[in-house]
N, C-alpha and C. Protein backbone atom coordinates (compact mmCIF):
# COMPACT_ATOMS: atom_id res chain seq x y z
N MET A 1 113.86 83.30 101.02
CA MET A 1 112.93 83.36 99.90
C MET A 1 111.28 83.63 100.18
N ASN A 2 110.81 82.90 101.11
CA ASN A 2 109.60 82.93 101.68
C ASN A 2 109.15 84.19 102.38
N ALA A 3 110.30 84.70 103.20
CA ALA A 3 110.34 85.80 103.99
C ALA A 3 110.32 87.02 102.96
N GLU A 4 111.11 86.97 102.21
CA GLU A 4 110.94 88.25 100.98
C GLU A 4 109.71 88.37 100.47
N LEU A 5 108.95 87.34 100.07
CA LEU A 5 107.59 87.21 99.47
C LEU A 5 106.64 87.72 100.55
N SER A 6 106.79 87.49 101.77
CA SER A 6 105.83 87.89 102.60
C SER A 6 105.91 89.35 103.19
N GLU A 7 107.01 89.72 102.95
CA GLU A 7 107.34 91.48 102.95
C GLU A 7 106.57 91.98 101.82
N ILE A 8 106.72 91.46 100.63
CA ILE A 8 106.36 92.31 99.57
C ILE A 8 104.70 92.15 99.57
N ILE A 9 104.24 91.08 99.99
CA ILE A 9 102.89 91.03 100.23
C ILE A 9 102.29 91.86 101.27
N GLU A 10 102.88 91.97 102.51
CA GLU A 10 102.53 93.19 103.62
C GLU A 10 102.86 94.46 103.16
N TRP A 11 103.87 94.69 102.05
CA TRP A 11 103.96 95.99 101.54
C TRP A 11 102.55 96.43 100.71
N PHE A 12 102.25 95.34 99.81
CA PHE A 12 101.09 95.67 99.24
C PHE A 12 99.60 95.98 99.83
N GLU A 13 99.57 95.35 101.02
CA GLU A 13 98.62 95.30 101.95
C GLU A 13 98.60 96.73 102.79
N SER A 14 99.76 97.43 102.64
CA SER A 14 99.92 98.65 103.44
C SER A 14 99.33 99.71 102.70
N ASP A 15 99.39 101.05 103.05
CA ASP A 15 98.78 102.28 102.77
C ASP A 15 100.08 102.97 101.75
N LYS A 16 101.04 102.43 101.36
CA LYS A 16 102.25 103.34 100.91
C LYS A 16 102.51 102.82 99.48
N VAL A 17 101.30 102.32 98.74
CA VAL A 17 101.51 101.65 97.47
C VAL A 17 101.48 102.61 96.50
N SER A 18 102.70 102.95 95.69
CA SER A 18 102.82 103.70 94.34
C SER A 18 102.77 102.76 93.23
N LEU A 19 102.30 103.29 92.09
CA LEU A 19 102.07 102.48 90.79
C LEU A 19 103.40 101.80 90.44
N ASP A 20 104.38 102.92 90.20
CA ASP A 20 105.82 102.31 89.85
C ASP A 20 106.37 101.26 90.86
N GLU A 21 106.11 101.69 92.30
CA GLU A 21 106.68 100.68 93.11
C GLU A 21 106.08 99.41 93.07
N ALA A 22 104.63 99.47 92.63
CA ALA A 22 103.92 98.31 93.07
C ALA A 22 104.52 97.37 91.84
N ILE A 23 104.46 97.94 90.63
CA ILE A 23 104.92 97.11 89.33
C ILE A 23 106.31 96.47 90.00
N GLU A 24 107.34 97.37 90.32
CA GLU A 24 108.61 96.70 90.56
C GLU A 24 108.40 95.58 91.62
N LYS A 25 107.50 95.79 92.63
CA LYS A 25 107.43 94.79 93.74
C LYS A 25 106.84 93.44 93.03
N TYR A 26 105.95 93.84 92.29
CA TYR A 26 105.19 92.72 91.45
C TYR A 26 106.20 91.77 90.80
N GLU A 27 107.18 92.27 90.12
CA GLU A 27 108.12 91.73 89.35
C GLU A 27 109.14 90.94 90.36
N GLU A 28 109.21 91.41 91.43
CA GLU A 28 110.18 90.92 92.34
C GLU A 28 109.50 89.71 92.84
N ALA A 29 108.28 89.72 93.40
CA ALA A 29 107.46 88.53 93.53
C ALA A 29 107.41 87.51 92.77
N LEU A 30 107.19 87.82 91.60
CA LEU A 30 107.05 86.97 90.44
C LEU A 30 108.35 85.89 90.27
N THR A 31 109.52 86.59 90.40
CA THR A 31 110.88 85.85 90.66
C THR A 31 111.02 85.19 91.73
N LEU A 32 110.52 85.53 92.85
CA LEU A 32 110.73 84.69 94.15
C LEU A 32 109.85 83.59 93.79
N ILE A 33 108.63 83.70 93.39
CA ILE A 33 107.65 82.59 93.33
C ILE A 33 108.31 81.38 92.23
N ALA A 34 108.82 81.90 91.36
CA ALA A 34 109.69 81.28 90.13
C ALA A 34 110.56 80.11 90.98
N GLU A 35 111.55 81.09 91.92
CA GLU A 35 112.40 80.17 92.74
C GLU A 35 112.10 79.46 93.73
N ILE A 36 110.84 79.67 94.60
CA ILE A 36 110.36 78.78 95.40
C ILE A 36 109.49 77.58 94.45
N GLU A 37 109.22 77.86 93.64
CA GLU A 37 108.80 76.56 92.65
C GLU A 37 109.59 75.67 92.18
N LYS A 38 110.89 76.27 91.91
CA LYS A 38 112.11 75.63 91.52
C LYS A 38 112.47 74.69 92.52
N TYR A 39 112.63 75.58 93.87
CA TYR A 39 112.94 74.58 94.90
C TYR A 39 112.26 73.68 95.42
N LEU A 40 111.06 73.82 95.38
CA LEU A 40 109.84 72.66 95.64
C LEU A 40 110.12 71.49 94.59
N LYS A 41 110.27 71.98 93.73
CA LYS A 41 110.20 70.72 92.41
C LYS A 41 111.38 69.94 92.71
N THR A 42 112.65 70.60 92.90
CA THR A 42 113.82 69.88 93.27
C THR A 42 113.83 69.05 94.42
N ALA A 43 112.89 69.61 95.39
CA ALA A 43 112.65 68.92 96.82
C ALA A 43 111.72 67.51 96.43
N GLU A 44 110.83 67.84 95.57
CA GLU A 44 110.06 66.73 95.23
C GLU A 44 110.65 65.64 94.49
N ASN A 45 111.35 65.99 93.61
CA ASN A 45 112.23 65.12 92.86
C ASN A 45 113.13 64.00 93.68
N LYS A 46 113.83 64.94 94.77
CA LYS A 46 114.89 64.02 95.60
C LYS A 46 113.94 63.07 96.22
N ILE A 47 112.69 63.70 96.97
CA ILE A 47 112.19 62.89 97.43
C ILE A 47 111.43 61.23 96.70
N LYS A 48 110.93 61.77 95.49
CA LYS A 48 110.59 60.63 94.63
C LYS A 48 111.92 59.61 94.33
N LYS A 49 112.90 60.28 94.25
CA LYS A 49 114.16 59.34 93.97
C LYS A 49 114.42 58.35 95.21
N ILE A 50 114.58 59.05 96.25
CA ILE A 50 114.81 58.30 97.65
C ILE A 50 113.64 57.41 97.82
N THR A 51 112.27 57.75 97.64
CA THR A 51 111.32 56.76 97.74
C THR A 51 111.40 55.65 96.85
N HIS A 52 111.56 55.85 95.46
CA HIS A 52 111.86 54.63 94.56
C HIS A 52 113.05 53.83 95.04
N ASN A 53 114.21 54.54 95.34
CA ASN A 53 115.46 53.66 95.68
C ASN A 53 114.87 52.78 97.03
N GLN A 54 114.15 53.20 97.94
CA GLN A 54 113.95 52.69 99.13
C GLN A 54 113.11 51.31 98.64
N GLY A 55 112.08 51.98 97.76
CA GLY A 55 111.36 50.62 97.36
C GLY A 55 112.27 49.33 96.53
N SER A 56 112.99 49.76 95.80
CA SER A 56 113.70 48.81 95.34
C SER A 56 114.77 48.19 96.16
N SER A 57 115.03 48.75 97.15
CA SER A 57 116.10 48.10 98.26
C SER A 57 115.19 46.87 98.85
N LEU A 58 113.85 47.43 99.28
CA LEU A 58 112.84 46.42 99.93
C LEU A 58 112.75 45.34 99.09
N GLU A 59 112.43 45.65 97.70
CA GLU A 59 112.15 44.65 96.69
C GLU A 59 113.52 43.43 96.72
N LYS A 60 114.48 44.05 96.65
CA LYS A 60 115.62 42.98 96.49
C LYS A 60 115.82 42.32 97.95
N ALA A 61 115.34 42.88 99.10
CA ALA A 61 115.66 42.10 100.54
C ALA A 61 114.74 40.88 100.61
N LYS A 62 113.56 41.04 99.63
CA LYS A 62 112.64 39.87 99.95
C LYS A 62 113.20 38.68 99.36
């Protein structure tokens, strides 16, 4: 996902930009950003859960 987004950014920075293609690439980028945000949120929730469970285990061990 990140590599695809980087390619789109490089394309925008090039001299090959046409308006129609730019709109299409922009929409693709928005979709990729949403997917990356979802992936990061899932990872964050997993880390919070692991941290919470680890904290609970430490409390029980006392």
